[in-house]
């Protein structure tokens, strides 16, 4: 009875479908308050980086999101002179 009659009605509700989609998408996951999160200025570890102007190695101007092309990337800070 529950599986055949009740579950389809409950899972057919828009609010339940939105909740399931939100939970499964994991867009709410953040690492800001994790042990590596720190309290520095933006962007902080776990943040999604904003689109910004950048320069290709050949010197032409472009945008970050255009270069990433919808793929994910791990952004690391540049090393200071003499660091390894």
PDB file of N, CA and C in Angstrom:
ATOM      1  N   UNK A   1       0.822  -1.200   0.000  1.00  0.00           N
ATOM      2  CA  UNK A   1       0.000   0.000   0.000  1.00  0.00           C
ATOM      3  C   UNK A   1       0.861   1.257   0.000  1.00  0.00           C
ATOM      4  N   UNK A   2       1.830   1.312   0.900  1.00  0.00           N
ATOM      5  CA  UNK A   2       2.670   2.508   1.005  1.00  0.00           C
ATOM      6  C   UNK A   2       3.461   2.709  -0.284  1.00  0.00           C
ATOM      7  N   UNK A   3       4.096   1.639  -0.771  1.00  0.00           N
ATOM      8  CA  UNK A   3       4.916   1.744  -1.980  1.00  0.00           C
ATOM      9  C   UNK A   3       4.065   2.045  -3.212  1.00  0.00           C
ATOM     10  N   UNK A   4       2.910   1.423  -3.324  1.00  0.00           N
ATOM     11  CA  UNK A   4       2.106   1.543  -4.541  1.00  0.00           C
ATOM     12  C   UNK A   4       1.189   2.758  -4.556  1.00  0.00           C
ATOM     13  N   UNK A   5       0.722   3.192  -3.410  1.00  0.00           N
ATOM     14  CA  UNK A   5      -0.275   4.265  -3.373  1.00  0.00           C
ATOM     15  C   UNK A   5       0.251   5.563  -2.769  1.00  0.00           C
ATOM     16  N   UNK A   6       0.938   5.456  -1.647  1.00  0.00           N
ATOM     17  CA  UNK A   6       1.347   6.652  -0.913  1.00  0.00           C
ATOM     18  C   UNK A   6       2.639   7.267  -1.454  1.00  0.00           C
ATOM     19  N   UNK A   7       3.647   6.455  -1.694  1.00  0.00           N
ATOM     20  CA  UNK A   7       4.950   6.970  -2.150  1.00  0.00           C
ATOM     21  C   UNK A   7       4.848   7.761  -3.460  1.00  0.00           C
ATOM     22  N   UNK A   8       4.130   7.283  -4.484  1.00  0.00           N
ATOM     23  CA  UNK A   8       4.043   8.080  -5.717  1.00  0.00           C
ATOM     24  C   UNK A   8       3.403   9.448  -5.506  1.00  0.00           C
ATOM     25  N   UNK A   9       2.442   9.531  -4.610  1.00  0.00           N
ATOM     26  CA  UNK A   9       1.792  10.819  -4.340  1.00  0.00           C
ATOM     27  C   UNK A   9       2.739  11.769  -3.610  1.00  0.00           C
ATOM     28  N   UNK A  10       3.476  11.241  -2.647  1.00  0.00           N
ATOM     29  CA  UNK A  10       4.411  12.079  -1.890  1.00  0.00           C
ATOM     30  C   UNK A  10       5.567  12.523  -2.784  1.00  0.00           C
ATOM     31  N   UNK A  11       6.178  11.577  -3.501  1.00  0.00           N
ATOM     32  CA  UNK A  11       7.320  11.918  -4.352  1.00  0.00           C
ATOM     33  C   UNK A  11       6.913  12.708  -5.591  1.00  0.00           C
ATOM     34  N   UNK A  12       5.629  12.789  -5.872  1.00  0.00           N
ATOM     35  CA  UNK A  12       5.138  13.593  -6.983  1.00  0.00           C
ATOM     36  C   UNK A  12       4.953  15.057  -6.633  1.00  0.00           C
ATOM     37  N   UNK A  13       5.013  15.393  -5.345  1.00  0.00           N
ATOM     38  CA  UNK A  13       4.857  16.780  -4.918  1.00  0.00           C
ATOM     39  C   UNK A  13       6.079  17.596  -5.322  1.00  0.00           C
ATOM     40  N   UNK A  14       5.836  18.813  -5.820  1.00  0.00           N
ATOM     41  CA  UNK A  14       6.928  19.678  -6.282  1.00  0.00           C
ATOM     42  C   UNK A  14       7.920  19.979  -5.164  1.00  0.00           C
ATOM     43  N   UNK A  15       7.430  20.225  -3.965  1.00  0.00           N
ATOM     44  CA  UNK A  15       8.327  20.561  -2.855  1.00  0.00           C
ATOM     45  C   UNK A  15       9.241  19.387  -2.511  1.00  0.00           C
ATOM     46  N   UNK A  16       8.732  18.180  -2.582  1.00  0.00           N
ATOM     47  CA  UNK A  16       9.547  16.994  -2.303  1.00  0.00           C
ATOM     48  C   UNK A  16      10.568  16.795  -3.419  1.00  0.00           C
ATOM     49  N   UNK A  17      10.178  17.002  -4.663  1.00  0.00           N
ATOM     50  CA  UNK A  17      11.112  16.862  -5.780  1.00  0.00           C
ATOM     51  C   UNK A  17      12.229  17.899  -5.704  1.00  0.00           C
ATOM     52  N   UNK A  18      11.888  19.150  -5.320  1.00  0.00           N
ATOM     53  CA  UNK A  18      12.919  20.189  -5.165  1.00  0.00           C
ATOM     54  C   UNK A  18      13.889  19.818  -4.058  1.00  0.00           C
ATOM     55  N   UNK A  19      13.374  19.306  -2.942  1.00  0.00           N
ATOM     56  CA  UNK A  19      14.237  18.922  -1.818  1.00  0.00           C
ATOM     57  C   UNK A  19      15.179  17.784  -2.224  1.00  0.00           C
ATOM     58  N   UNK A  20      14.661  16.793  -2.933  1.00  0.00           N
ATOM     59  CA  UNK A  20      15.492  15.670  -3.380  1.00  0.00           C
ATOM     60  C   UNK A  20      16.570  16.162  -4.347  1.00  0.00           C
ATOM     61  N   UNK A  21      16.194  17.034  -5.280  1.00  0.00           N
ATOM     62  CA  UNK A  21      17.164  17.575  -6.235  1.00  0.00           C
ATOM     63  C   UNK A  21      18.237  18.381  -5.523  1.00  0.00           C
ATOM     64  N   UNK A  22      17.848  19.242  -4.591  1.00  0.00           N
ATOM     65  CA  UNK A  22      18.805  20.062  -3.840  1.00  0.00           C
ATOM     66  C   UNK A  22      19.766  19.185  -3.049  1.00  0.00           C
ATOM     67  N   UNK A  23      19.233  18.177  -2.390  1.00  0.00           N
ATOM     68  CA  UNK A  23      20.069  17.290  -1.582  1.00  0.00           C
ATOM     69  C   UNK A  23      21.019  16.477  -2.457  1.00  0.00           C
ATOM     70  N   UNK A  24      20.545  15.956  -3.560  1.00  0.00           N
ATOM     71  CA  UNK A  24      21.381  15.127  -4.429  1.00  0.00           C
ATOM     72  C   UNK A  24      22.433  15.943  -5.176  1.00  0.00           C
ATOM     73  N   UNK A  25      22.153  17.222  -5.464  1.00  0.00           N
ATOM     74  CA  UNK A  25      23.093  18.041  -6.236  1.00  0.00           C
ATOM     75  C   UNK A  25      24.328  18.428  -5.437  1.00  0.00           C
ATOM     76  N   UNK A  26      24.230  18.458  -4.139  1.00  0.00           N
ATOM     77  CA  UNK A  26      25.319  18.810  -3.223  1.00  0.00           C
ATOM     78  C   UNK A  26      25.844  20.223  -3.443  1.00  0.00           C
ATOM     79  N   UNK A  27      25.032  21.124  -3.993  1.00  0.00           N
ATOM     80  CA  UNK A  27      25.458  22.512  -4.153  1.00  0.00           C
ATOM     81  C   UNK A  27      25.577  23.219  -2.811  1.00  0.00           C
ATOM     82  N   UNK A  28      25.033  22.653  -1.785  1.00  0.00           N
ATOM     83  CA  UNK A  28      25.096  23.229  -0.445  1.00  0.00           C
ATOM     84  C   UNK A  28      26.391  22.867   0.262  1.00  0.00           C
ATOM     85  N   UNK A  29      27.172  21.955  -0.298  1.00  0.00           N
ATOM     86  CA  UNK A  29      28.414  21.515   0.339  1.00  0.00           C
ATOM     87  C   UNK A  29      29.435  22.643   0.282  1.00  0.00           C
ATOM     88  N   UNK A  30      30.055  22.924   1.405  1.00  0.00           N
ATOM     89  CA  UNK A  30      31.086  23.953   1.478  1.00  0.00           C
ATOM     90  C   UNK A  30      32.165  23.500   2.442  1.00  0.00           C
ATOM     91  N   UNK A  31      33.380  23.903   2.168  1.00  0.00           N
ATOM     92  CA  UNK A  31      34.501  23.568   3.034  1.00  0.00           C
ATOM     93  C   UNK A  31      35.025  24.804   3.756  1.00  0.00           C
ATOM     94  N   UNK A  32      34.268  25.899   3.741  1.00  0.00           N
ATOM     95  CA  UNK A  32      34.711  27.154   4.348  1.00  0.00           C
ATOM     96  C   UNK A  32      35.057  27.000   5.820  1.00  0.00           C
ATOM     97  N   UNK A  33      34.296  26.240   6.541  1.00  0.00           N
ATOM     98  CA  UNK A  33      34.514  26.120   7.983  1.00  0.00           C
ATOM     99  C   UNK A  33      35.366  24.911   8.343  1.00  0.00           C
ATOM    100  N   UNK A  34      35.970  24.286   7.346  1.00  0.00           N
ATOM    101  CA  UNK A  34      36.832  23.138   7.578  1.00  0.00           C
ATOM    102  C   UNK A  34      38.174  23.563   8.156  1.00  0.00           C
ATOM    103  N   UNK A  35      39.024  22.615   8.504  1.00  0.00           N
ATOM    104  CA  UNK A  35      40.301  22.928   9.140  1.00  0.00           C
ATOM    105  C   UNK A  35      41.250  23.720   8.243  1.00  0.00           C
ATOM    106  N   UNK A  36      41.075  23.661   6.933  1.00  0.00           N
ATOM    107  CA  UNK A  36      41.934  24.416   6.025  1.00  0.00           C
ATOM    108  C   UNK A  36      41.289  25.721   5.579  1.00  0.00           C
ATOM    109  N   UNK A  37      40.104  26.023   6.100  1.00  0.00           N
ATOM    110  CA  UNK A  37      39.342  27.181   5.664  1.00  0.00           C
ATOM    111  C   UNK A  37      39.946  28.513   6.021  1.00  0.00           C
ATOM    112  N   UNK A  38      40.620  28.602   7.139  1.00  0.00           N
ATOM    113  CA  UNK A  38      41.235  29.865   7.527  1.00  0.00           C
ATOM    114  C   UNK A  38      40.234  30.994   7.629  1.00  0.00           C
ATOM    115  N   UNK A  39      40.705  32.150   7.951  1.00  0.00           N
ATOM    116  CA  UNK A  39      39.834  33.315   8.065  1.00  0.00           C
ATOM    117  C   UNK A  39      40.368  34.467   7.222  1.00  0.00           C
ATOM    118  N   UNK A  40      41.013  34.135   6.105  1.00  0.00           N
ATOM    119  CA  UNK A  40      41.615  35.150   5.258  1.00  0.00           C
ATOM    120  C   UNK A  40      40.592  35.853   4.383  1.00  0.00           C
ATOM    121  N   UNK A  41      41.106  36.657   3.468  1.00  0.00           N
ATOM    122  CA  UNK A  41      40.236  37.380   2.551  1.00  0.00           C
ATOM    123  C   UNK A  41      39.731  36.432   1.462  1.00  0.00           C
ATOM    124  N   UNK A  42      38.772  36.894   0.697  1.00  0.00           N
ATOM    125  CA  UNK A  42      38.190  36.062  -0.357  1.00  0.00           C
ATOM    126  C   UNK A  42      39.150  35.935  -1.509  1.00  0.00           C
ATOM    127  N   UNK A  43      39.100  34.918  -2.333  1.00  0.00           N
ATOM    128  CA  UNK A  43      38.345  33.693  -2.102  1.00  0.00           C
ATOM    129  C   UNK A  43      39.024  32.824  -1.059  1.00  0.00           C
ATOM    130  N   UNK A  44      38.208  32.168  -0.268  1.00  0.00           N
ATOM    131  CA  UNK A  44      38.718  31.269   0.764  1.00  0.00           C
ATOM    132  C   UNK A  44      38.614  29.835   0.270  1.00  0.00           C
ATOM    133  N   UNK A  45      39.365  28.929   0.885  1.00  0.00           N
ATOM    134  CA  UNK A  45      39.261  27.523   0.481  1.00  0.00           C
ATOM    135  C   UNK A  45      37.812  27.042   0.545  1.00  0.00           C
ATOM    136  N   UNK A  46      37.385  26.360  -0.483  1.00  0.00           N
ATOM    137  CA  UNK A  46      36.020  25.859  -0.566  1.00  0.00           C
ATOM    138  C   UNK A  46      35.086  26.781  -1.312  1.00  0.00           C
ATOM    139  N   UNK A  47      35.503  28.026  -1.591  1.00  0.00           N
ATOM    140  CA  UNK A  47      34.662  28.964  -2.334  1.00  0.00           C
ATOM    141  C   UNK A  47      34.701  28.649  -3.816  1.00  0.00           C
ATOM    142  N   UNK A  48      33.642  29.042  -4.490  1.00  0.00           N
ATOM    143  CA  UNK A  48      33.636  28.979  -5.948  1.00  0.00           C
ATOM    144  C   UNK A  48      34.220  30.302  -6.430  1.00  0.00           C
ATOM    145  N   UNK A  49      35.173  30.228  -7.315  1.00  0.00           N
ATOM    146  CA  UNK A  49      35.860  31.437  -7.761  1.00  0.00           C
ATOM    147  C   UNK A  49      35.020  32.169  -8.803  1.00  0.00           C
ATOM    148  N   UNK A  50      35.054  33.487  -8.755  1.00  0.00           N
ATOM    149  CA  UNK A  50      34.293  34.311  -9.687  1.00  0.00           C
ATOM    150  C   UNK A  50      35.007  34.388 -11.033  1.00  0.00           C
ATOM    151  N   UNK A  51      34.239  34.668 -12.074  1.00  0.00           N
ATOM    152  CA  UNK A  51      34.834  34.880 -13.387  1.00  0.00           C
ATOM    153  C   UNK A  51      35.665  36.155 -13.332  1.00  0.00           C
ATOM    154  N   UNK A  52      36.804  36.155 -13.966  1.00  0.00           N
ATOM    155  CA  UNK A  52      37.681  37.323 -13.939  1.00  0.00           C
ATOM    156  C   UNK A  52      38.534  37.360 -15.192  1.00  0.00           C
ATOM    157  N   UNK A  53      39.014  38.565 -15.529  1.00  0.00           N
ATOM    158  CA  UNK A  53      39.906  38.649 -16.684  1.00  0.00           C
ATOM    159  C   UNK A  53      41.234  37.971 -16.378  1.00  0.00           C
ATOM    160  N   UNK A  54      41.828  37.352 -17.384  1.00  0.00           N
ATOM    161  CA  UNK A  54      43.144  36.740 -17.223  1.00  0.00           C
ATOM    162  C   UNK A  54      43.862  36.782 -18.569  1.00  0.00           C
ATOM    163  N   UNK A  55      45.097  36.346 -18.579  1.00  0.00           N
ATOM    164  CA  UNK A  55      45.916  36.417 -19.784  1.00  0.00           C
ATOM    165  C   UNK A  55      46.483  35.046 -20.098  1.00  0.00           C
ATOM    166  N   UNK A  56      46.374  34.651 -21.352  1.00  0.00           N
ATOM    167  CA  UNK A  56      46.949  33.382 -21.806  1.00  0.00           C
ATOM    168  C   UNK A  56      48.465  33.499 -21.869  1.00  0.00           C
ATOM    169  N   UNK A  57      49.129  32.376 -21.984  1.00  0.00           N
ATOM    170  CA  UNK A  57      50.590  32.376 -22.046  1.00  0.00           C
ATOM    171  C   UNK A  57      51.112  33.077 -23.300  1.00  0.00           C
ATOM    172  N   UNK A  58      50.273  33.177 -24.351  1.00  0.00           N
ATOM    173  CA  UNK A  58      50.706  33.890 -25.562  1.00  0.00           C
ATOM    174  C   UNK A  58      50.459  35.394 -25.480  1.00  0.00           C
ATOM    175  N   UNK A  59      49.908  35.859 -24.335  1.00  0.00           N
ATOM    176  CA  UNK A  59      49.710  37.289 -24.108  1.00  0.00           C
ATOM    177  C   UNK A  59      48.335  37.808 -24.452  1.00  0.00           C
ATOM    178  N   UNK A  60      47.442  36.992 -25.025  1.00  0.00           N
ATOM    179  CA  UNK A  60      46.098  37.458 -25.365  1.00  0.00           C
ATOM    180  C   UNK A  60      45.208  37.443 -24.135  1.00  0.00           C
ATOM    181  N   UNK A  61      44.303  38.434 -24.081  1.00  0.00           N
ATOM    182  CA  UNK A  61      43.373  38.540 -22.959  1.00  0.00           C
ATOM    183  C   UNK A  61      42.222  37.560 -23.136  1.00  0.00           C
ATOM    184  N   UNK A  62      41.714  37.066 -22.021  1.00  0.00           N
ATOM    185  CA  UNK A  62      40.593  36.128 -22.032  1.00  0.00           C
ATOM    186  C   UNK A  62      39.877  36.226 -20.689  1.00  0.00           C
ATOM    187  N   UNK A  63      38.903  35.359 -20.463  1.00  0.00           N
ATOM    188  CA  UNK A  63      38.180  35.287 -19.191  1.00  0.00           C
ATOM    189  C   UNK A  63      38.391  33.900 -18.604  1.00  0.00           C
ATOM    190  N   UNK A  64      38.406  33.822 -17.281  1.00  0.00           N
ATOM    191  CA  UNK A  64      38.673  32.563 -16.595  1.00  0.00           C
ATOM    192  C   UNK A  64      37.664  31.483 -16.973  1.00  0.00           C
ATOM    193  N   UNK A  65      36.357  31.807 -16.924  1.00  0.00           N
ATOM    194  CA  UNK A  65      35.343  30.805 -17.233  1.00  0.00           C
ATOM    195  C   UNK A  65      35.458  30.322 -18.678  1.00  0.00           C
ATOM    196  N   UNK A  66      35.846  31.196 -19.598  1.00  0.00           N
ATOM    197  CA  UNK A  66      36.010  30.788 -20.992  1.00  0.00           C
ATOM    198  C   UNK A  66      37.131  29.755 -21.106  1.00  0.00           C
ATOM    199  N   UNK A  67      38.201  29.971 -20.371  1.00  0.00           N
ATOM    200  CA  UNK A  67      39.330  29.042 -20.429  1.00  0.00           C
ATOM    201  C   UNK A  67      39.009  27.710 -19.751  1.00  0.00           C
ATOM    202  N   UNK A  68      38.246  27.760 -18.666  1.00  0.00           N
ATOM    203  CA  UNK A  68      37.882  26.516 -17.981  1.00  0.00           C
ATOM    204  C   UNK A  68      36.886  25.707 -18.803  1.00  0.00           C
ATOM    205  N   UNK A  69      36.051  26.375 -19.584  1.00  0.00           N
ATOM    206  CA  UNK A  69      35.128  25.686 -20.484  1.00  0.00           C
ATOM    207  C   UNK A  69      34.164  24.746 -19.791  1.00  0.00           C
ATOM    208  N   UNK A  70      33.706  25.070 -18.595  1.00  0.00           N
ATOM    209  CA  UNK A  70      32.755  24.229 -17.889  1.00  0.00           C
ATOM    210  C   UNK A  70      33.375  23.080 -17.130  1.00  0.00           C
ATOM    211  N   UNK A  71      34.685  22.952 -17.183  1.00  0.00           N
ATOM    212  CA  UNK A  71      35.358  21.893 -16.429  1.00  0.00           C
ATOM    213  C   UNK A  71      35.722  22.430 -15.050  1.00  0.00           C
ATOM    214  N   UNK A  72      36.026  21.547 -14.145  1.00  0.00           N
ATOM    215  CA  UNK A  72      36.463  21.977 -12.819  1.00  0.00           C
ATOM    216  C   UNK A  72      37.969  22.144 -12.829  1.00  0.00           C
ATOM    217  N   UNK A  73      38.460  22.933 -11.885  1.00  0.00           N
ATOM    218  CA  UNK A  73      39.908  23.146 -11.769  1.00  0.00           C
ATOM    219  C   UNK A  73      40.242  23.390 -10.306  1.00  0.00           C
ATOM    220  N   UNK A  74      41.409  22.991  -9.905  1.00  0.00           N
ATOM    221  CA  UNK A  74      41.900  23.247  -8.559  1.00  0.00           C
ATOM    222  C   UNK A  74      42.796  24.465  -8.632  1.00  0.00           C
ATOM    223  N   UNK A  75      42.401  25.536  -7.933  1.00  0.00           N
ATOM    224  CA  UNK A  75      43.164  26.780  -7.948  1.00  0.00           C
ATOM    225  C   UNK A  75      44.100  26.815  -6.753  1.00  0.00           C
ATOM    226  N   UNK A  76      45.361  27.060  -7.005  1.00  0.00           N
ATOM    227  CA  UNK A  76      46.367  27.169  -5.956  1.00  0.00           C
ATOM    228  C   UNK A  76      47.011  28.537  -6.034  1.00  0.00           C
ATOM    229  N   UNK A  77      47.409  29.100  -4.890  1.00  0.00           N
ATOM    230  CA  UNK A  77      48.081  30.404  -4.930  1.00  0.00           C
ATOM    231  C   UNK A  77      49.449  30.270  -5.582  1.00  0.00           C
ATOM    232  N   UNK A  78      49.894  31.347  -6.195  1.00  0.00           N
ATOM    233  CA  UNK A  78      51.219  31.351  -6.815  1.00  0.00           C
ATOM    234  C   UNK A  78      52.279  31.300  -5.724  1.00  0.00           C
ATOM    235  N   UNK A  79      53.353  30.593  -5.985  1.00  0.00           N
ATOM    236  CA  UNK A  79      54.456  30.525  -5.028  1.00  0.00           C
ATOM    237  C   UNK A  79      55.273  31.802  -5.095  1.00  0.00           C
ATOM    238  N   UNK A  80      55.723  32.257  -3.939  1.00  0.00           N
ATOM    239  CA  UNK A  80      56.592  33.428  -3.886  1.00  0.00           C
ATOM    240  C   UNK A  80      57.980  33.045  -4.378  1.00  0.00           C
ATOM    241  N   UNK A  81      58.739  34.030  -4.784  1.00  0.00           N
ATOM    242  CA  UNK A  81      60.110  33.808  -5.254  1.00  0.00           C
ATOM    243  C   UNK A  81      60.904  33.065  -4.192  1.00  0.00           C
ATOM    244  N   UNK A  82      61.535  31.967  -4.541  1.00  0.00           N
ATOM    245  CA  UNK A  82      62.351  31.199  -3.606  1.00  0.00           C
ATOM    246  C   UNK A  82      61.612  30.081  -2.895  1.00  0.00           C
ATOM    247  N   UNK A  83      60.256  30.062  -2.980  1.00  0.00           N
ATOM    248  CA  UNK A  83      59.489  28.964  -2.371  1.00  0.00           C
ATOM    249  C   UNK A  83      59.525  27.750  -3.287  1.00  0.00           C
ATOM    250  N   UNK A  84      59.371  26.580  -2.685  1.00  0.00           N
ATOM    251  CA  UNK A  84      59.305  25.381  -3.521  1.00  0.00           C
ATOM    252  C   UNK A  84      58.309  24.403  -2.954  1.00  0.00           C
TER     253      UNK A  84
END
